[in-house]
Amino acid sequence: MLEEGPFRGKTADFVMMFIFGGVTMI
């Protein structure tokens, strides 16, 4: 697996946003 700062940061941000959106919609 590739461990790149920007890519990992974007992925983490996307995951957090997705989880936050799911919790908000419930």
C-alpha atoms as a PDB file:
ATOM      1  CA  MET A   1       0.000   0.000   0.000  1.00  0.00           C
ATOM      2  CA  LEU A   2       1.145   3.526  -0.709  1.00  0.00           C
ATOM      3  CA  GLU A   3       1.465   5.861   2.229  1.00  0.00           C
ATOM      4  CA  GLU A   4       1.289   9.411   0.913  1.00  0.00           C
ATOM      5  CA  GLY A   5       0.521  12.414   3.118  1.00  0.00           C
ATOM      6  CA  PRO A   6      -1.961  14.232   0.841  1.00  0.00           C
ATOM      7  CA  PHE A   7      -3.738  11.041  -0.273  1.00  0.00           C
ATOM      8  CA  ARG A   8      -4.062   9.670   3.244  1.00  0.00           C
ATOM      9  CA  GLY A   9      -5.216  13.077   4.508  1.00  0.00           C
ATOM     10  CA  LYS A  10      -7.896  13.311   1.825  1.00  0.00           C
ATOM     11  CA  THR A  11      -9.058   9.766   2.518  1.00  0.00           C
ATOM     12  CA  ALA A  12      -9.313  10.400   6.260  1.00  0.00           C
ATOM     13  CA  ASP A  13     -11.172  13.662   5.630  1.00  0.00           C
ATOM     14  CA  PHE A  14     -13.597  11.914   3.245  1.00  0.00           C
ATOM     15  CA  VAL A  15     -14.251   9.106   5.729  1.00  0.00           C
ATOM     16  CA  MET A  16     -14.831  11.546   8.591  1.00  0.00           C
ATOM     17  CA  MET A  17     -17.191  13.612   6.430  1.00  0.00           C
ATOM     18  CA  PHE A  18     -19.103  10.470   5.379  1.00  0.00           C
ATOM     19  CA  ILE A  19     -19.482   9.272   8.985  1.00  0.00           C
ATOM     20  CA  PHE A  20     -20.448  12.760  10.175  1.00  0.00           C
ATOM     21  CA  GLY A  21     -23.085  13.012   7.420  1.00  0.00           C
ATOM     22  CA  GLY A  22     -24.516   9.606   8.332  1.00  0.00           C
ATOM     23  CA  VAL A  23     -24.774  10.500  12.015  1.00  0.00           C
ATOM     24  CA  THR A  24     -26.384  13.844  11.175  1.00  0.00           C
ATOM     25  CA  MET A  25     -29.003  12.248   8.907  1.00  0.00           C
ATOM     26  CA  ILE A  26     -30.041   9.754  11.586  1.00  0.00           C
END
